[in-house]
Amino acid sequence: MVAPLIAIEDLPSQKSSQVKNKWGDVVRQVQTQGSLAITNHATVEMVLLTAGAYQSLLDLVSRLQAREKSEIDELSDQFKARLAVLQDPQSRGRMKSLLAAKGRANKAPIAGESF
């Protein structure tokens, strides 16, 4: 099971000199906790992740990109359909007659039985 992702400021941390000098301890800590922030002068410079956590991030990004592409494709199809309607040769005439009517209807509206 992959360890849950933790905010960068809440990660356990090691100084870069400790990472360099005690690599085996660092590897064990990453395997135990899932990730480790590496600091230099009290500033987080990088985060070490297990291979499983990294793969989980890649999978998540891939799913999000696929969803985004699907939504963009759907919007693109809707746009193309609307554009096709607007480019119909009869659309120009219908638009001219609509604008020429200046808000007046050709027929009186039917109010219904309860009116």
PDB file of N, CA and C in Angstrom:
ATOM      1  N   MET A   1       0.832  -1.177   0.000  1.00  0.00           N
ATOM      2  CA  MET A   1       0.000   0.000   0.000  1.00  0.00           C
ATOM      3  C   MET A   1       0.880   1.246   0.000  1.00  0.00           C
ATOM      4  N   VAL A   2       0.472   2.271  -0.746  1.00  0.00           N
ATOM      5  CA  VAL A   2       1.246   3.497  -0.863  1.00  0.00           C
ATOM      6  C   VAL A   2       0.883   4.431   0.282  1.00  0.00           C
ATOM      7  N   ALA A   3       1.907   5.059   0.853  1.00  0.00           N
ATOM      8  CA  ALA A   3       1.665   5.997   1.953  1.00  0.00           C
ATOM      9  C   ALA A   3       0.916   7.217   1.425  1.00  0.00           C
ATOM     10  N   PRO A   4       0.011   7.784   2.234  1.00  0.00           N
ATOM     11  CA  PRO A   4      -0.719   8.970   1.793  1.00  0.00           C
ATOM     12  C   PRO A   4       0.238  10.158   1.636  1.00  0.00           C
ATOM     13  N   LEU A   5      -0.087  11.069   0.716  1.00  0.00           N
ATOM     14  CA  LEU A   5       0.758  12.245   0.515  1.00  0.00           C
ATOM     15  C   LEU A   5       0.499  13.247   1.629  1.00  0.00           C
ATOM     16  N   ILE A   6       1.575  13.874   2.087  1.00  0.00           N
ATOM     17  CA  ILE A   6       1.535  14.801   3.209  1.00  0.00           C
ATOM     18  C   ILE A   6       2.015  16.160   2.715  1.00  0.00           C
ATOM     19  N   ALA A   7       1.483  17.238   3.270  1.00  0.00           N
ATOM     20  CA  ALA A   7       1.931  18.589   2.906  1.00  0.00           C
ATOM     21  C   ALA A   7       3.435  18.692   3.125  1.00  0.00           C
ATOM     22  N   ILE A   8       4.101  19.430   2.236  1.00  0.00           N
ATOM     23  CA  ILE A   8       5.564  19.489   2.261  1.00  0.00           C
ATOM     24  C   ILE A   8       6.104  19.982   3.605  1.00  0.00           C
ATOM     25  N   GLU A   9       5.408  20.925   4.228  1.00  0.00           N
ATOM     26  CA  GLU A   9       5.895  21.446   5.508  1.00  0.00           C
ATOM     27  C   GLU A   9       5.704  20.456   6.655  1.00  0.00           C
ATOM     28  N   ASP A  10       4.869  19.451   6.463  1.00  0.00           N
ATOM     29  CA  ASP A  10       4.624  18.449   7.502  1.00  0.00           C
ATOM     30  C   ASP A  10       5.451  17.176   7.324  1.00  0.00           C
ATOM     31  N   LEU A  11       6.226  17.094   6.264  1.00  0.00           N
ATOM     32  CA  LEU A  11       7.048  15.901   6.014  1.00  0.00           C
ATOM     33  C   LEU A  11       8.189  15.817   7.024  1.00  0.00           C
ATOM     34  N   PRO A  12       8.584  14.612   7.377  1.00  0.00           N
ATOM     35  CA  PRO A  12       9.814  14.496   8.160  1.00  0.00           C
ATOM     36  C   PRO A  12      10.960  15.002   7.290  1.00  0.00           C
ATOM     37  N   SER A  13      11.985  15.557   7.898  1.00  0.00           N
ATOM     38  CA  SER A  13      13.049  16.148   7.078  1.00  0.00           C
ATOM     39  C   SER A  13      14.427  15.704   7.549  1.00  0.00           C
ATOM     40  N   GLN A  14      15.358  15.814   6.640  1.00  0.00           N
ATOM     41  CA  GLN A  14      16.767  15.529   6.906  1.00  0.00           C
ATOM     42  C   GLN A  14      17.588  16.632   6.254  1.00  0.00           C
ATOM     43  N   LYS A  15      18.692  16.996   6.874  1.00  0.00           N
ATOM     44  CA  LYS A  15      19.613  17.958   6.271  1.00  0.00           C
ATOM     45  C   LYS A  15      20.347  17.262   5.137  1.00  0.00           C
ATOM     46  N   SER A  16      20.709  18.050   4.133  1.00  0.00           N
ATOM     47  CA  SER A  16      21.373  17.454   2.972  1.00  0.00           C
ATOM     48  C   SER A  16      22.674  16.756   3.364  1.00  0.00           C
ATOM     49  N   SER A  17      23.379  17.281   4.346  1.00  0.00           N
ATOM     50  CA  SER A  17      24.632  16.632   4.781  1.00  0.00           C
ATOM     51  C   SER A  17      24.347  15.267   5.398  1.00  0.00           C
ATOM     52  N   GLN A  18      23.220  15.135   6.117  1.00  0.00           N
ATOM     53  CA  GLN A  18      22.852  13.841   6.690  1.00  0.00           C
ATOM     54  C   GLN A  18      22.496  12.851   5.579  1.00  0.00           C
ATOM     55  N   VAL A  19      21.828  13.354   4.550  1.00  0.00           N
ATOM     56  CA  VAL A  19      21.475  12.482   3.425  1.00  0.00           C
ATOM     57  C   VAL A  19      22.747  11.954   2.772  1.00  0.00           C
ATOM     58  N   LYS A  20      23.690  12.820   2.584  1.00  0.00           N
ATOM     59  CA  LYS A  20      24.942  12.434   1.946  1.00  0.00           C
ATOM     60  C   LYS A  20      25.719  11.427   2.796  1.00  0.00           C
ATOM     61  N   ASN A  21      25.762  11.665   4.072  1.00  0.00           N
ATOM     62  CA  ASN A  21      26.590  10.840   4.952  1.00  0.00           C
ATOM     63  C   ASN A  21      25.886   9.577   5.448  1.00  0.00           C
ATOM     64  N   LYS A  22      24.563   9.570   5.479  1.00  0.00           N
ATOM     65  CA  LYS A  22      23.823   8.433   6.033  1.00  0.00           C
ATOM     66  C   LYS A  22      22.734   7.988   5.067  1.00  0.00           C
ATOM     67  N   TRP A  23      23.120   7.690   3.854  1.00  0.00           N
ATOM     68  CA  TRP A  23      22.160   7.325   2.802  1.00  0.00           C
ATOM     69  C   TRP A  23      21.298   6.128   3.196  1.00  0.00           C
ATOM     70  N   GLY A  24      21.869   5.116   3.797  1.00  0.00           N
ATOM     71  CA  GLY A  24      21.122   3.927   4.196  1.00  0.00           C
ATOM     72  C   GLY A  24      19.996   4.267   5.171  1.00  0.00           C
ATOM     73  N   ASP A  25      20.280   5.155   6.129  1.00  0.00           N
ATOM     74  CA  ASP A  25      19.250   5.574   7.089  1.00  0.00           C
ATOM     75  C   ASP A  25      18.138   6.346   6.377  1.00  0.00           C
ATOM     76  N   VAL A  26      18.528   7.170   5.424  1.00  0.00           N
ATOM     77  CA  VAL A  26      17.553   7.959   4.669  1.00  0.00           C
ATOM     78  C   VAL A  26      16.636   7.036   3.883  1.00  0.00           C
ATOM     79  N   VAL A  27      17.200   6.050   3.217  1.00  0.00           N
ATOM     80  CA  VAL A  27      16.400   5.103   2.428  1.00  0.00           C
ATOM     81  C   VAL A  27      15.401   4.379   3.326  1.00  0.00           C
ATOM     82  N   ARG A  28      15.856   3.924   4.489  1.00  0.00           N
ATOM     83  CA  ARG A  28      14.940   3.241   5.419  1.00  0.00           C
ATOM     84  C   ARG A  28      13.826   4.179   5.881  1.00  0.00           C
ATOM     85  N   GLN A  29      14.140   5.441   6.130  1.00  0.00           N
ATOM     86  CA  GLN A  29      13.123   6.391   6.578  1.00  0.00           C
ATOM     87  C   GLN A  29      12.090   6.644   5.468  1.00  0.00           C
ATOM     88  N   VAL A  30      12.550   6.750   4.232  1.00  0.00           N
ATOM     89  CA  VAL A  30      11.622   6.951   3.111  1.00  0.00           C
ATOM     90  C   VAL A  30      10.739   5.723   2.946  1.00  0.00           C
ATOM     91  N   GLN A  31      11.313   4.547   3.044  1.00  0.00           N
ATOM     92  CA  GLN A  31      10.522   3.329   2.906  1.00  0.00           C
ATOM     93  C   GLN A  31       9.500   3.199   4.031  1.00  0.00           C
ATOM     94  N   THR A  32       9.856   3.639   5.216  1.00  0.00           N
ATOM     95  CA  THR A  32       8.943   3.562   6.354  1.00  0.00           C
ATOM     96  C   THR A  32       7.838   4.604   6.270  1.00  0.00           C
ATOM     97  N   GLN A  33       8.198   5.839   5.917  1.00  0.00           N
ATOM     98  CA  GLN A  33       7.241   6.947   5.974  1.00  0.00           C
ATOM     99  C   GLN A  33       6.681   7.342   4.607  1.00  0.00           C
ATOM    100  N   GLY A  34       7.232   6.828   3.544  1.00  0.00           N
ATOM    101  CA  GLY A  34       6.697   7.111   2.206  1.00  0.00           C
ATOM    102  C   GLY A  34       7.345   8.283   1.510  1.00  0.00           C
ATOM    103  N   SER A  35       7.780   9.284   2.265  1.00  0.00           N
ATOM    104  CA  SER A  35       8.439  10.442   1.659  1.00  0.00           C
ATOM    105  C   SER A  35       9.269  11.154   2.720  1.00  0.00           C
ATOM    106  N   LEU A  36      10.209  11.977   2.253  1.00  0.00           N
ATOM    107  CA  LEU A  36      11.119  12.664   3.156  1.00  0.00           C
ATOM    108  C   LEU A  36      11.542  13.975   2.514  1.00  0.00           C
ATOM    109  N   ALA A  37      11.436  15.068   3.250  1.00  0.00           N
ATOM    110  CA  ALA A  37      11.884  16.369   2.754  1.00  0.00           C
ATOM    111  C   ALA A  37      13.381  16.501   3.024  1.00  0.00           C
ATOM    112  N   ILE A  38      14.123  16.945   2.023  1.00  0.00           N
ATOM    113  CA  ILE A  38      15.561  17.180   2.164  1.00  0.00           C
ATOM    114  C   ILE A  38      15.762  18.688   2.247  1.00  0.00           C
ATOM    115  N   THR A  39      16.384  19.134   3.335  1.00  0.00           N
ATOM    116  CA  THR A  39      16.558  20.571   3.555  1.00  0.00           C
ATOM    117  C   THR A  39      18.011  20.979   3.380  1.00  0.00           C
ATOM    118  N   ASN A  40      18.183  22.239   3.047  1.00  0.00           N
ATOM    119  CA  ASN A  40      19.500  22.856   2.990  1.00  0.00           C
ATOM    120  C   ASN A  40      19.333  24.237   3.599  1.00  0.00           C
ATOM    121  N   HIS A  41      19.987  24.501   4.711  1.00  0.00           N
ATOM    122  CA  HIS A  41      19.829  25.758   5.451  1.00  0.00           C
ATOM    123  C   HIS A  41      18.364  25.987   5.814  1.00  0.00           C
ATOM    124  N   ALA A  42      17.714  24.949   6.324  1.00  0.00           N
ATOM    125  CA  ALA A  42      16.330  24.972   6.815  1.00  0.00           C
ATOM    126  C   ALA A  42      15.293  25.226   5.727  1.00  0.00           C
ATOM    127  N   THR A  43      15.677  25.129   4.458  1.00  0.00           N
ATOM    128  CA  THR A  43      14.745  25.304   3.347  1.00  0.00           C
ATOM    129  C   THR A  43      14.595  23.970   2.626  1.00  0.00           C
ATOM    130  N   VAL A  44      13.359  23.545   2.427  1.00  0.00           N
ATOM    131  CA  VAL A  44      13.132  22.289   1.709  1.00  0.00           C
ATOM    132  C   VAL A  44      13.535  22.481   0.252  1.00  0.00           C
ATOM    133  N   GLU A  45      14.469  21.651  -0.203  1.00  0.00           N
ATOM    134  CA  GLU A  45      14.948  21.748  -1.578  1.00  0.00           C
ATOM    135  C   GLU A  45      14.425  20.628  -2.460  1.00  0.00           C
ATOM    136  N   MET A  46      14.109  19.480  -1.849  1.00  0.00           N
ATOM    137  CA  MET A  46      13.573  18.366  -2.629  1.00  0.00           C
ATOM    138  C   MET A  46      12.859  17.414  -1.698  1.00  0.00           C
ATOM    139  N   VAL A  47      12.081  16.533  -2.313  1.00  0.00           N
ATOM    140  CA  VAL A  47      11.355  15.520  -1.560  1.00  0.00           C
ATOM    141  C   VAL A  47      11.666  14.165  -2.177  1.00  0.00           C
ATOM    142  N   LEU A  48      12.070  13.225  -1.341  1.00  0.00           N
ATOM    143  CA  LEU A  48      12.292  11.855  -1.790  1.00  0.00           C
ATOM    144  C   LEU A  48      11.004  11.072  -1.586  1.00  0.00           C
ATOM    145  N   LEU A  49      10.616  10.311  -2.598  1.00  0.00           N
ATOM    146  CA  LEU A  49       9.403   9.492  -2.540  1.00  0.00           C
ATOM    147  C   LEU A  49       9.751   8.043  -2.805  1.00  0.00           C
ATOM    148  N   THR A  50       8.903   7.158  -2.311  1.00  0.00           N
ATOM    149  CA  THR A  50       9.049   5.762  -2.699  1.00  0.00           C
ATOM    150  C   THR A  50       8.620   5.632  -4.161  1.00  0.00           C
ATOM    151  N   ALA A  51       9.032   4.564  -4.792  1.00  0.00           N
ATOM    152  CA  ALA A  51       8.642   4.336  -6.186  1.00  0.00           C
ATOM    153  C   ALA A  51       7.131   4.201  -6.301  1.00  0.00           C
ATOM    154  N   GLY A  52       6.490   3.584  -5.309  1.00  0.00           N
ATOM    155  CA  GLY A  52       5.034   3.431  -5.326  1.00  0.00           C
ATOM    156  C   GLY A  52       4.310   4.767  -5.249  1.00  0.00           C
ATOM    157  N   ALA A  53       4.798   5.669  -4.395  1.00  0.00           N
ATOM    158  CA  ALA A  53       4.189   6.997  -4.279  1.00  0.00           C
ATOM    159  C   ALA A  53       4.361   7.770  -5.580  1.00  0.00           C
ATOM    160  N   TYR A  54       5.531   7.662  -6.177  1.00  0.00           N
ATOM    161  CA  TYR A  54       5.782   8.341  -7.453  1.00  0.00           C
ATOM    162  C   TYR A  54       4.853   7.795  -8.538  1.00  0.00           C
ATOM    163  N   GLN A  55       4.702   6.486  -8.600  1.00  0.00           N
ATOM    164  CA  GLN A  55       3.817   5.879  -9.601  1.00  0.00           C
ATOM    165  C   GLN A  55       2.367   6.309  -9.371  1.00  0.00           C
ATOM    166  N   SER A  56       1.958   6.417  -8.113  1.00  0.00           N
ATOM    167  CA  SER A  56       0.607   6.891  -7.803  1.00  0.00           C
ATOM    168  C   SER A  56       0.399   8.309  -8.316  1.00  0.00           C
ATOM    169  N   LEU A  57       1.399   9.165  -8.149  1.00  0.00           N
ATOM    170  CA  LEU A  57       1.312  10.530  -8.673  1.00  0.00           C
ATOM    171  C   LEU A  57       1.207  10.526 -10.192  1.00  0.00           C
ATOM    172  N   LEU A  58       2.009   9.694 -10.844  1.00  0.00           N
ATOM    173  CA  LEU A  58       1.948   9.600 -12.308  1.00  0.00           C
ATOM    174  C   LEU A  58       0.579   9.125 -12.769  1.00  0.00           C
ATOM    175  N   ASP A  59       0.027   8.131 -12.089  1.00  0.00           N
ATOM    176  CA  ASP A  59      -1.302   7.621 -12.444  1.00  0.00           C
ATOM    177  C   ASP A  59      -2.369   8.699 -12.281  1.00  0.00           C
ATOM    178  N   LEU A  60      -2.294   9.446 -11.189  1.00  0.00           N
ATOM    179  CA  LEU A  60      -3.251  10.518 -10.937  1.00  0.00           C
ATOM    180  C   LEU A  60      -3.170  11.592 -12.021  1.00  0.00           C
ATOM    181  N   VAL A  61      -1.971  12.006 -12.343  1.00  0.00           N
ATOM    182  CA  VAL A  61      -1.789  13.018 -13.391  1.00  0.00           C
ATOM    183  C   VAL A  61      -2.321  12.502 -14.717  1.00  0.00           C
ATOM    184  N   SER A  62      -2.060  11.254 -15.017  1.00  0.00           N
ATOM    185  CA  SER A  62      -2.545  10.658 -16.269  1.00  0.00           C
ATOM    186  C   SER A  62      -4.070  10.664 -16.325  1.00  0.00           C
ATOM    187  N   ARG A  63      -4.718  10.293 -15.225  1.00  0.00           N
ATOM    188  CA  ARG A  63      -6.194  10.304 -15.183  1.00  0.00           C
ATOM    189  C   ARG A  63      -6.737  11.721 -15.345  1.00  0.00           C
ATOM    190  N   LEU A  64      -6.109  12.682 -14.685  1.00  0.00           N
ATOM    191  CA  LEU A  64      -6.563  14.066 -14.789  1.00  0.00           C
ATOM    192  C   LEU A  64      -6.387  14.596 -16.219  1.00  0.00           C
ATOM    193  N   GLN A  65      -5.285  14.254 -16.854  1.00  0.00           N
ATOM    194  CA  GLN A  65      -5.061  14.690 -18.237  1.00  0.00           C
ATOM    195  C   GLN A  65      -6.073  14.056 -19.182  1.00  0.00           C
ATOM    196  N   ALA A  66      -6.398  12.790 -18.962  1.00  0.00           N
ATOM    197  CA  ALA A  66      -7.389  12.115 -19.804  1.00  0.00           C
ATOM    198  C   ALA A  66      -8.757  12.760 -19.633  1.00  0.00           C
ATOM    199  N   ARG A  67      -9.119  13.083 -18.394  1.00  0.00           N
ATOM    200  CA  ARG A  67     -10.411  13.735 -18.139  1.00  0.00           C
ATOM    201  C   ARG A  67     -10.453  15.119 -18.778  1.00  0.00           C
ATOM    202  N   GLU A  68      -9.363  15.848 -18.648  1.00  0.00           N
ATOM    203  CA  GLU A  68      -9.290  17.184 -19.245  1.00  0.00           C
ATOM    204  C   GLU A  68      -9.420  17.103 -20.761  1.00  0.00           C
ATOM    205  N   LYS A  69      -8.739  16.142 -21.382  1.00  0.00           N
ATOM    206  CA  LYS A  69      -8.813  15.980 -22.837  1.00  0.00           C
ATOM    207  C   LYS A  69     -10.239  15.633 -23.261  1.00  0.00           C
ATOM    208  N   SER A  70     -10.890  14.762 -22.508  1.00  0.00           N
ATOM    209  CA  SER A  70     -12.261  14.377 -22.810  1.00  0.00           C
ATOM    210  C   SER A  70     -13.196  15.586 -22.752  1.00  0.00           C
ATOM    211  N   GLU A  71     -13.038  16.411 -21.732  1.00  0.00           N
ATOM    212  CA  GLU A  71     -13.884  17.597 -21.596  1.00  0.00           C
ATOM    213  C   GLU A  71     -13.607  18.603 -22.709  1.00  0.00           C
ATOM    214  N   ILE A  72     -12.350  18.776 -23.062  1.00  0.00           N
ATOM    215  CA  ILE A  72     -11.997  19.695 -24.147  1.00  0.00           C
ATOM    216  C   ILE A  72     -12.550  19.179 -25.472  1.00  0.00           C
ATOM    217  N   ASP A  73     -12.454  17.869 -25.698  1.00  0.00           N
ATOM    218  CA  ASP A  73     -13.005  17.289 -26.931  1.00  0.00           C
ATOM    219  C   ASP A  73     -14.514  17.504 -27.010  1.00  0.00           C
ATOM    220  N   GLU A  74     -15.199  17.335 -25.878  1.00  0.00           N
ATOM    221  CA  GLU A  74     -16.651  17.535 -25.847  1.00  0.00           C
ATOM    222  C   GLU A  74     -17.006  18.995 -26.150  1.00  0.00           C
ATOM    223  N   LEU A  75     -16.284  19.926 -25.542  1.00  0.00           N
ATOM    224  CA  LEU A  75     -16.526  21.342 -25.815  1.00  0.00           C
ATOM    225  C   LEU A  75     -16.217  21.689 -27.270  1.00  0.00           C
ATOM    226  N   SER A  76     -15.173  21.106 -27.796  1.00  0.00           N
ATOM    227  CA  SER A  76     -14.806  21.332 -29.189  1.00  0.00           C
ATOM    228  C   SER A  76     -15.900  20.837 -30.132  1.00  0.00           C
ATOM    229  N   ASP A  77     -16.460  19.668 -29.828  1.00  0.00           N
ATOM    230  CA  ASP A  77     -17.555  19.135 -30.652  1.00  0.00           C
ATOM    231  C   ASP A  77     -18.782  20.043 -30.590  1.00  0.00           C
ATOM    232  N   GLN A  78     -19.094  20.557 -29.403  1.00  0.00           N
ATOM    233  CA  GLN A  78     -20.229  21.471 -29.259  1.00  0.00           C
ATOM    234  C   GLN A  78     -19.989  22.752 -30.051  1.00  0.00           C
ATOM    235  N   PHE A  79     -18.768  23.257 -30.002  1.00  0.00           N
ATOM    236  CA  PHE A  79     -18.433  24.469 -30.742  1.00  0.00           C
ATOM    237  C   PHE A  79     -18.561  24.236 -32.247  1.00  0.00           C
ATOM    238  N   LYS A  80     -18.042  23.108 -32.710  1.00  0.00           N
ATOM    239  CA  LYS A  80     -18.116  22.806 -34.145  1.00  0.00           C
ATOM    240  C   LYS A  80     -19.559  22.671 -34.610  1.00  0.00           C
ATOM    241  N   ALA A  81     -20.408  22.075 -33.773  1.00  0.00           N
ATOM    242  CA  ALA A  81     -21.827  21.933 -34.131  1.00  0.00           C
ATOM    243  C   ALA A  81     -22.492  23.301 -34.210  1.00  0.00           C
ATOM    244  N   ARG A  82     -22.212  24.161 -33.258  1.00  0.00           N
ATOM    245  CA  ARG A  82     -22.802  25.509 -33.264  1.00  0.00           C
ATOM    246  C   ARG A  82     -22.287  26.315 -34.448  1.00  0.00           C
ATOM    247  N   LEU A  83     -21.009  26.200 -34.736  1.00  0.00           N
ATOM    248  CA  LEU A  83     -20.424  26.908 -35.868  1.00  0.00           C
ATOM    249  C   LEU A  83     -21.042  26.445 -37.182  1.00  0.00           C
ATOM    250  N   ALA A  84     -21.292  25.154 -37.297  1.00  0.00           N
ATOM    251  CA  ALA A  84     -21.923  24.625 -38.514  1.00  0.00           C
ATOM    252  C   ALA A  84     -23.310  25.225 -38.705  1.00  0.00           C
ATOM    253  N   VAL A  85     -24.059  25.381 -37.626  1.00  0.00           N
ATOM    254  CA  VAL A  85     -25.391  25.998 -37.713  1.00  0.00           C
ATOM    255  C   VAL A  85     -25.255  27.447 -38.180  1.00  0.00           C
ATOM    256  N   LEU A  86     -24.289  28.156 -37.620  1.00  0.00           N
ATOM    257  CA  LEU A  86     -24.110  29.559 -37.986  1.00  0.00           C
ATOM    258  C   LEU A  86     -23.612  29.722 -39.421  1.00  0.00           C
ATOM    259  N   GLN A  87     -22.891  28.750 -39.924  1.00  0.00           N
ATOM    260  CA  GLN A  87     -22.368  28.831 -41.282  1.00  0.00           C
ATOM    261  C   GLN A  87     -23.341  28.304 -42.331  1.00  0.00           C
ATOM    262  N   ASP A  88     -24.473  27.812 -41.907  1.00  0.00           N
ATOM    263  CA  ASP A  88     -25.509  27.355 -42.826  1.00  0.00           C
ATOM    264  C   ASP A  88     -25.939  28.547 -43.688  1.00  0.00           C
ATOM    265  N   PRO A  89     -26.039  28.371 -45.006  1.00  0.00           N
ATOM    266  CA  PRO A  89     -26.409  29.487 -45.891  1.00  0.00           C
ATOM    267  C   PRO A  89     -27.744  30.140 -45.513  1.00  0.00           C
ATOM    268  N   GLN A  90     -28.663  29.395 -44.959  1.00  0.00           N
ATOM    269  CA  GLN A  90     -29.959  29.964 -44.587  1.00  0.00           C
ATOM    270  C   GLN A  90     -29.888  30.780 -43.300  1.00  0.00           C
ATOM    271  N   SER A  91     -28.842  30.617 -42.528  1.00  0.00           N
ATOM    272  CA  SER A  91     -28.725  31.330 -41.253  1.00  0.00           C
ATOM    273  C   SER A  91     -28.660  32.836 -41.459  1.00  0.00           C
ATOM    274  N   ARG A  92     -27.986  33.265 -42.504  1.00  0.00           N
ATOM    275  CA  ARG A  92     -27.853  34.698 -42.760  1.00  0.00           C
ATOM    276  C   ARG A  92     -29.229  35.327 -42.985  1.00  0.00           C
ATOM    277  N   GLY A  93     -30.050  34.690 -43.789  1.00  0.00           N
ATOM    278  CA  GLY A  93     -31.386  35.205 -44.051  1.00  0.00           C
ATOM    279  C   GLY A  93     -32.244  35.218 -42.795  1.00  0.00           C
ATOM    280  N   ARG A  94     -32.180  34.160 -42.009  1.00  0.00           N
ATOM    281  CA  ARG A  94     -32.955  34.115 -40.762  1.00  0.00           C
ATOM    282  C   ARG A  94     -32.504  35.205 -39.800  1.00  0.00           C
ATOM    283  N   MET A  95     -31.216  35.447 -39.739  1.00  0.00           N
ATOM    284  CA  MET A  95     -30.693  36.481 -38.847  1.00  0.00           C
ATOM    285  C   MET A  95     -31.142  37.864 -39.319  1.00  0.00           C
ATOM    286  N   LYS A  96     -31.104  38.109 -40.624  1.00  0.00           N
ATOM    287  CA  LYS A  96     -31.547  39.401 -41.163  1.00  0.00           C
ATOM    288  C   LYS A  96     -33.014  39.645 -40.834  1.00  0.00           C
ATOM    289  N   SER A  97     -33.842  38.621 -41.010  1.00  0.00           N
ATOM    290  CA  SER A  97     -35.274  38.801 -40.732  1.00  0.00           C
ATOM    291  C   SER A  97     -35.517  38.985 -39.239  1.00  0.00           C
ATOM    292  N   LEU A  98     -34.765  38.335 -38.422  1.00  0.00           N
ATOM    293  CA  LEU A  98     -34.901  38.500 -36.980  1.00  0.00           C
ATOM    294  C   LEU A  98     -34.544  39.918 -36.563  1.00  0.00           C
ATOM    295  N   LEU A  99     -33.440  40.439 -37.087  1.00  0.00           N
ATOM    296  CA  LEU A  99     -33.023  41.802 -36.748  1.00  0.00           C
ATOM    297  C   LEU A  99     -33.978  42.833 -37.339  1.00  0.00           C
ATOM    298  N   ALA A 100     -34.513  42.562 -38.531  1.00  0.00           N
ATOM    299  CA  ALA A 100     -35.443  43.495 -39.174  1.00  0.00           C
ATOM    300  C   ALA A 100     -36.753  43.581 -38.399  1.00  0.00           C
ATOM    301  N   ALA A 101     -37.153  42.532 -37.704  1.00  0.00           N
ATOM    302  CA  ALA A 101     -38.407  42.527 -36.947  1.00  0.00           C
ATOM    303  C   ALA A 101     -38.352  43.482 -35.759  1.00  0.00           C
ATOM    304  N   LYS A 102     -37.179  43.819 -35.306  1.00  0.00           N
ATOM    305  CA  LYS A 102     -36.978  44.754 -34.192  1.00  0.00           C
ATOM    306  C   LYS A 102     -37.849  44.407 -32.986  1.00  0.00           C
ATOM    307  N   GLY A 103     -37.933  43.134 -32.667  1.00  0.00           N
ATOM    308  CA  GLY A 103     -38.644  42.689 -31.476  1.00  0.00           C
ATOM    309  C   GLY A 103     -40.129  42.450 -31.673  1.00  0.00           C
ATOM    310  N   ARG A 104     -40.646  42.682 -32.860  1.00  0.00           N
ATOM    311  CA  ARG A 104     -42.070  42.442 -33.127  1.00  0.00           C
ATOM    312  C   ARG A 104     -42.242  41.026 -33.661  1.00  0.00           C
ATOM    313  N   ALA A 105     -43.284  40.357 -33.201  1.00  0.00           N
ATOM    314  CA  ALA A 105     -43.582  39.012 -33.663  1.00  0.00           C
ATOM    315  C   ALA A 105     -44.478  39.080 -34.904  1.00  0.00           C
ATOM    316  N   ASN A 106     -44.332  38.116 -35.802  1.00  0.00           N
ATOM    317  CA  ASN A 106     -45.178  38.060 -37.000  1.00  0.00           C
ATOM    318  C   ASN A 106     -46.621  37.715 -36.644  1.00  0.00           C
ATOM    319  N   LYS A 107     -46.785  36.873 -35.654  1.00  0.00           N
ATOM    320  CA  LYS A 107     -48.122  36.459 -35.213  1.00  0.00           C
ATOM    321  C   LYS A 107     -48.321  36.891 -33.765  1.00  0.00           C
ATOM    322  N   ALA A 108     -49.544  37.116 -33.409  1.00  0.00           N
ATOM    323  CA  ALA A 108     -49.836  37.441 -32.010  1.00  0.00           C
ATOM    324  C   ALA A 108     -49.617  36.196 -31.159  1.00  0.00           C
ATOM    325  N   PRO A 109     -49.043  36.355 -29.984  1.00  0.00           N
ATOM    326  CA  PRO A 109     -48.830  35.188 -29.127  1.00  0.00           C
ATOM    327  C   PRO A 109     -50.142  34.611 -28.623  1.00  0.00           C
ATOM    328  N   ILE A 110     -50.153  33.330 -28.403  1.00  0.00           N
ATOM    329  CA  ILE A 110     -51.330  32.657 -27.869  1.00  0.00           C
ATOM    330  C   ILE A 110     -51.172  32.593 -26.358  1.00  0.00           C
ATOM    331  N   ALA A 111     -52.118  33.199 -25.661  1.00  0.00           N
ATOM    332  CA  ALA A 111     -51.991  33.306 -24.209  1.00  0.00           C
ATOM    333  C   ALA A 111     -52.431  32.034 -23.506  1.00  0.00           C
ATOM    334  N   GLY A 112     -53.290  31.239 -24.084  1.00  0.00           N
ATOM    335  CA  GLY A 112     -53.751  30.018 -23.437  1.00  0.00           C
ATOM    336  C   GLY A 112     -55.135  30.174 -22.855  1.00  0.00           C
ATOM    337  N   GLU A 113     -55.709  29.060 -22.398  1.00  0.00           N
ATOM    338  CA  GLU A 113     -57.092  29.040 -21.926  1.00  0.00           C
ATOM    339  C   GLU A 113     -57.278  29.803 -20.617  1.00  0.00           C
ATOM    340  N   SER A 114     -56.274  29.828 -19.760  1.00  0.00           N
ATOM    341  CA  SER A 114     -56.461  30.448 -18.450  1.00  0.00           C
ATOM    342  C   SER A 114     -56.307  31.963 -18.496  1.00  0.00           C
ATOM    343  N   PHE A 115     -55.947  32.501 -19.635  1.00  0.00           N
ATOM    344  CA  PHE A 115     -55.727  33.956 -19.709  1.00  0.00           C
ATOM    345  C   PHE A 115     -57.023  34.706 -19.884  1.00  0.00           C
TER     346      PHE A 115
END
